[in-house]
């Protein structure tokens, strides 16, 4: 997460960030939303290209992943909210 890379410490939102990256990785069969680049993580620069946008699953997954990998830890959902997400 951006805060971890900046040395600001980690917390539950950092775990949610990691979970968002894992969701993306699994759904794209090995792609990383930040292209494995720490500068992209720090700057919040990610790509949806590998996930695609043509299915309902992609829309729902994109919404959850977008929240989970937000640059701001305050914008990320709680673990409980992730579990309740469709």
N, C-alpha and C. Protein backbone atom coordinates (compact mmCIF):
# COMPACT_ATOMS: atom_id res chain seq x y z
N UNK A 1 0.84 -1.19 0.00
CA UNK A 1 0.00 0.00 0.00
C UNK A 1 0.88 1.24 0.00
N UNK A 2 0.30 2.35 -0.41
CA UNK A 2 1.06 3.59 -0.48
C UNK A 2 1.60 3.99 0.89
N UNK A 3 0.78 3.82 1.92
CA UNK A 3 1.23 4.22 3.26
C UNK A 3 2.38 3.33 3.76
N UNK A 4 2.35 2.07 3.43
CA UNK A 4 3.44 1.17 3.83
C UNK A 4 4.73 1.53 3.09
N UNK A 5 4.62 1.85 1.80
CA UNK A 5 5.80 2.22 1.02
C UNK A 5 6.40 3.54 1.48
N UNK A 6 5.56 4.41 2.04
CA UNK A 6 6.04 5.70 2.55
C UNK A 6 6.55 5.59 3.99
N UNK A 7 6.49 4.40 4.57
CA UNK A 7 6.97 4.21 5.93
C UNK A 7 6.02 4.74 6.98
N UNK A 8 4.75 4.88 6.64
CA UNK A 8 3.76 5.43 7.56
C UNK A 8 3.09 4.36 8.42
N UNK A 9 3.55 3.14 8.31
CA UNK A 9 2.97 2.06 9.10
C UNK A 9 1.84 1.37 8.37
N UNK A 10 1.38 0.30 8.98
CA UNK A 10 0.30 -0.49 8.38
C UNK A 10 -0.81 -0.70 9.39
N UNK A 11 -1.98 -1.03 8.88
CA UNK A 11 -3.15 -1.27 9.71
C UNK A 11 -4.13 -2.12 8.90
N UNK A 12 -5.34 -2.27 9.39
CA UNK A 12 -6.33 -3.08 8.68
C UNK A 12 -6.57 -2.59 7.25
N UNK A 13 -6.63 -1.29 6.99
CA UNK A 13 -6.80 -0.86 5.60
C UNK A 13 -5.66 -1.34 4.68
N UNK A 14 -4.48 -1.51 5.23
CA UNK A 14 -3.37 -2.05 4.44
C UNK A 14 -3.67 -3.48 4.02
N UNK A 15 -4.27 -4.24 4.93
CA UNK A 15 -4.66 -5.62 4.60
C UNK A 15 -5.72 -5.64 3.51
N UNK A 16 -6.66 -4.70 3.57
CA UNK A 16 -7.71 -4.62 2.54
C UNK A 16 -7.08 -4.26 1.20
N UNK A 17 -6.09 -3.38 1.19
CA UNK A 17 -5.36 -3.05 -0.04
C UNK A 17 -4.75 -4.32 -0.63
N UNK A 18 -4.09 -5.09 0.20
CA UNK A 18 -3.48 -6.35 -0.26
C UNK A 18 -4.53 -7.30 -0.82
N UNK A 19 -5.66 -7.37 -0.15
CA UNK A 19 -6.74 -8.23 -0.61
C UNK A 19 -7.25 -7.78 -1.99
N UNK A 20 -7.37 -6.48 -2.20
CA UNK A 20 -7.77 -5.97 -3.50
C UNK A 20 -6.80 -6.37 -4.60
N UNK A 21 -5.51 -6.30 -4.29
CA UNK A 21 -4.49 -6.73 -5.26
C UNK A 21 -4.60 -8.22 -5.55
N UNK A 22 -4.88 -9.01 -4.51
CA UNK A 22 -5.04 -10.45 -4.69
C UNK A 22 -6.27 -10.76 -5.53
N UNK A 23 -7.40 -10.07 -5.26
CA UNK A 23 -8.60 -10.26 -6.08
C UNK A 23 -8.28 -10.01 -7.54
N UNK A 24 -7.62 -8.89 -7.82
CA UNK A 24 -7.27 -8.54 -9.19
C UNK A 24 -6.37 -9.61 -9.80
N UNK A 25 -5.38 -10.03 -9.06
CA UNK A 25 -4.42 -11.04 -9.53
C UNK A 25 -5.14 -12.35 -9.90
N UNK A 26 -6.05 -12.78 -9.04
CA UNK A 26 -6.77 -14.04 -9.29
C UNK A 26 -7.71 -13.90 -10.48
N UNK A 27 -8.47 -12.81 -10.53
CA UNK A 27 -9.44 -12.63 -11.61
C UNK A 27 -8.78 -12.43 -12.98
N UNK A 28 -7.56 -11.95 -12.99
CA UNK A 28 -6.86 -11.73 -14.25
C UNK A 28 -5.83 -12.82 -14.54
N UNK A 29 -5.80 -13.83 -13.71
CA UNK A 29 -4.88 -14.96 -13.87
C UNK A 29 -3.42 -14.52 -13.92
N UNK A 30 -3.06 -13.62 -13.01
CA UNK A 30 -1.66 -13.28 -12.84
C UNK A 30 -1.23 -11.86 -13.12
N UNK A 31 -2.14 -10.98 -13.48
CA UNK A 31 -1.77 -9.58 -13.69
C UNK A 31 -1.83 -8.84 -12.36
N UNK A 32 -1.09 -7.76 -12.26
CA UNK A 32 -1.07 -6.93 -11.06
C UNK A 32 -1.65 -5.57 -11.42
N UNK A 33 -2.54 -5.01 -10.60
CA UNK A 33 -3.16 -3.73 -10.96
C UNK A 33 -2.17 -2.58 -11.09
N UNK A 34 -1.01 -2.71 -10.45
CA UNK A 34 0.00 -1.65 -10.49
C UNK A 34 1.23 -2.07 -11.29
N UNK A 35 1.10 -3.13 -12.07
CA UNK A 35 2.20 -3.64 -12.90
C UNK A 35 3.47 -3.91 -12.08
N UNK A 36 3.29 -4.36 -10.83
CA UNK A 36 4.42 -4.69 -9.95
C UNK A 36 5.39 -3.51 -9.78
N UNK A 37 4.86 -2.29 -9.81
CA UNK A 37 5.69 -1.08 -9.76
C UNK A 37 5.35 -0.27 -8.52
N UNK A 38 6.30 -0.12 -7.61
CA UNK A 38 6.05 0.62 -6.36
C UNK A 38 5.70 2.08 -6.59
N UNK A 39 6.28 2.71 -7.62
CA UNK A 39 5.92 4.10 -7.92
C UNK A 39 4.45 4.21 -8.31
N UNK A 40 3.96 3.24 -9.06
CA UNK A 40 2.54 3.24 -9.41
C UNK A 40 1.67 3.11 -8.17
N UNK A 41 2.09 2.30 -7.22
CA UNK A 41 1.33 2.15 -5.97
C UNK A 41 1.33 3.47 -5.21
N UNK A 42 2.49 4.09 -5.06
CA UNK A 42 2.58 5.37 -4.34
C UNK A 42 1.70 6.44 -4.97
N UNK A 43 1.62 6.43 -6.30
CA UNK A 43 0.87 7.46 -7.03
C UNK A 43 -0.58 7.07 -7.32
N UNK A 44 -0.98 5.88 -6.92
CA UNK A 44 -2.35 5.44 -7.17
C UNK A 44 -2.64 5.20 -8.64
N UNK A 45 -1.62 4.85 -9.41
CA UNK A 45 -1.77 4.65 -10.86
C UNK A 45 -1.92 3.16 -11.14
N UNK A 46 -3.14 2.75 -11.49
CA UNK A 46 -3.38 1.34 -11.77
C UNK A 46 -4.12 1.18 -13.09
N UNK A 47 -4.17 -0.04 -13.58
CA UNK A 47 -4.77 -0.34 -14.87
C UNK A 47 -5.88 -1.37 -14.73
N UNK A 48 -6.99 -1.12 -15.39
CA UNK A 48 -8.12 -2.07 -15.40
C UNK A 48 -8.07 -2.96 -16.63
N UNK A 49 -7.14 -2.74 -17.50
CA UNK A 49 -7.10 -3.42 -18.79
C UNK A 49 -7.21 -4.94 -18.68
N UNK A 50 -6.45 -5.55 -17.82
CA UNK A 50 -6.45 -7.02 -17.70
C UNK A 50 -7.76 -7.56 -17.15
N UNK A 51 -8.48 -6.75 -16.36
CA UNK A 51 -9.73 -7.21 -15.77
C UNK A 51 -10.87 -7.20 -16.78
N UNK A 52 -10.86 -6.24 -17.68
CA UNK A 52 -11.93 -6.14 -18.67
C UNK A 52 -13.16 -5.48 -18.07
N UNK A 53 -14.10 -5.12 -18.93
CA UNK A 53 -15.30 -4.43 -18.46
C UNK A 53 -16.57 -4.95 -19.13
N UNK A 54 -16.53 -6.13 -19.71
CA UNK A 54 -17.65 -6.59 -20.52
C UNK A 54 -18.64 -7.49 -19.79
N UNK A 55 -18.46 -7.78 -18.54
CA UNK A 55 -19.38 -8.66 -17.84
C UNK A 55 -19.82 -8.05 -16.52
N UNK A 56 -20.92 -8.56 -15.99
CA UNK A 56 -21.41 -8.11 -14.69
C UNK A 56 -20.38 -8.40 -13.61
N UNK A 57 -19.72 -9.56 -13.69
CA UNK A 57 -18.68 -9.89 -12.73
C UNK A 57 -17.59 -8.83 -12.75
N UNK A 58 -17.19 -8.43 -13.94
CA UNK A 58 -16.15 -7.41 -14.06
C UNK A 58 -16.58 -6.11 -13.40
N UNK A 59 -17.84 -5.72 -13.58
CA UNK A 59 -18.33 -4.48 -12.98
C UNK A 59 -18.32 -4.57 -11.45
N UNK A 60 -18.85 -5.65 -10.92
CA UNK A 60 -18.87 -5.83 -9.47
C UNK A 60 -17.46 -5.95 -8.90
N UNK A 61 -16.63 -6.71 -9.58
CA UNK A 61 -15.25 -6.88 -9.13
C UNK A 61 -14.50 -5.55 -9.20
N UNK A 62 -14.69 -4.82 -10.28
CA UNK A 62 -14.01 -3.53 -10.43
C UNK A 62 -14.38 -2.57 -9.32
N UNK A 63 -15.65 -2.56 -8.95
CA UNK A 63 -16.10 -1.67 -7.88
C UNK A 63 -15.41 -2.00 -6.57
N UNK A 64 -15.40 -3.26 -6.20
CA UNK A 64 -14.77 -3.67 -4.95
C UNK A 64 -13.26 -3.44 -4.99
N UNK A 65 -12.63 -3.81 -6.08
CA UNK A 65 -11.18 -3.64 -6.20
C UNK A 65 -10.82 -2.16 -6.17
N UNK A 66 -11.61 -1.33 -6.84
CA UNK A 66 -11.35 0.12 -6.85
C UNK A 66 -11.34 0.68 -5.43
N UNK A 67 -12.30 0.26 -4.62
CA UNK A 67 -12.33 0.71 -3.23
C UNK A 67 -11.16 0.15 -2.44
N UNK A 68 -10.88 -1.12 -2.62
CA UNK A 68 -9.85 -1.80 -1.82
C UNK A 68 -8.45 -1.28 -2.10
N UNK A 69 -8.16 -0.91 -3.35
CA UNK A 69 -6.80 -0.45 -3.67
C UNK A 69 -6.70 1.06 -3.74
N UNK A 70 -7.66 1.72 -3.14
CA UNK A 70 -7.61 3.18 -3.08
C UNK A 70 -6.31 3.65 -2.44
N UNK A 71 -5.78 4.72 -2.96
CA UNK A 71 -4.54 5.28 -2.40
C UNK A 71 -4.75 5.70 -0.94
N UNK A 72 -5.93 6.18 -0.63
CA UNK A 72 -6.24 6.62 0.73
C UNK A 72 -6.75 5.46 1.57
N UNK A 73 -6.09 5.17 2.68
CA UNK A 73 -6.57 4.08 3.54
C UNK A 73 -7.95 4.37 4.12
N UNK A 74 -8.32 5.65 4.20
CA UNK A 74 -9.62 6.03 4.76
C UNK A 74 -10.77 5.75 3.80
N UNK A 75 -10.46 5.61 2.53
CA UNK A 75 -11.48 5.32 1.51
C UNK A 75 -11.74 3.82 1.37
N UNK A 76 -10.83 3.00 1.85
CA UNK A 76 -10.96 1.55 1.71
C UNK A 76 -12.05 1.00 2.63
N UNK A 77 -12.76 -0.02 2.16
CA UNK A 77 -13.82 -0.60 3.00
C UNK A 77 -13.22 -1.43 4.14
N UNK A 78 -14.04 -1.66 5.13
CA UNK A 78 -13.64 -2.56 6.22
C UNK A 78 -13.71 -4.00 5.70
N UNK A 79 -13.11 -4.90 6.43
CA UNK A 79 -13.17 -6.32 6.06
C UNK A 79 -14.62 -6.80 6.06
N UNK A 80 -15.42 -6.32 7.00
CA UNK A 80 -16.84 -6.70 7.05
C UNK A 80 -17.57 -6.24 5.81
N UNK A 81 -17.27 -5.03 5.35
CA UNK A 81 -17.90 -4.52 4.13
C UNK A 81 -17.49 -5.33 2.91
N UNK A 82 -16.24 -5.76 2.88
CA UNK A 82 -15.78 -6.60 1.77
C UNK A 82 -16.57 -7.89 1.74
N UNK A 83 -16.79 -8.49 2.90
CA UNK A 83 -17.56 -9.74 2.96
C UNK A 83 -19.00 -9.56 2.50
N UNK A 84 -19.56 -8.39 2.71
CA UNK A 84 -20.95 -8.13 2.33
C UNK A 84 -21.10 -7.66 0.88
N UNK A 85 -20.00 -7.36 0.23
CA UNK A 85 -20.06 -6.86 -1.15
C UNK A 85 -20.54 -7.98 -2.07
N UNK A 86 -21.46 -7.63 -3.00
CA UNK A 86 -21.96 -8.68 -3.91
C UNK A 86 -20.86 -9.22 -4.75
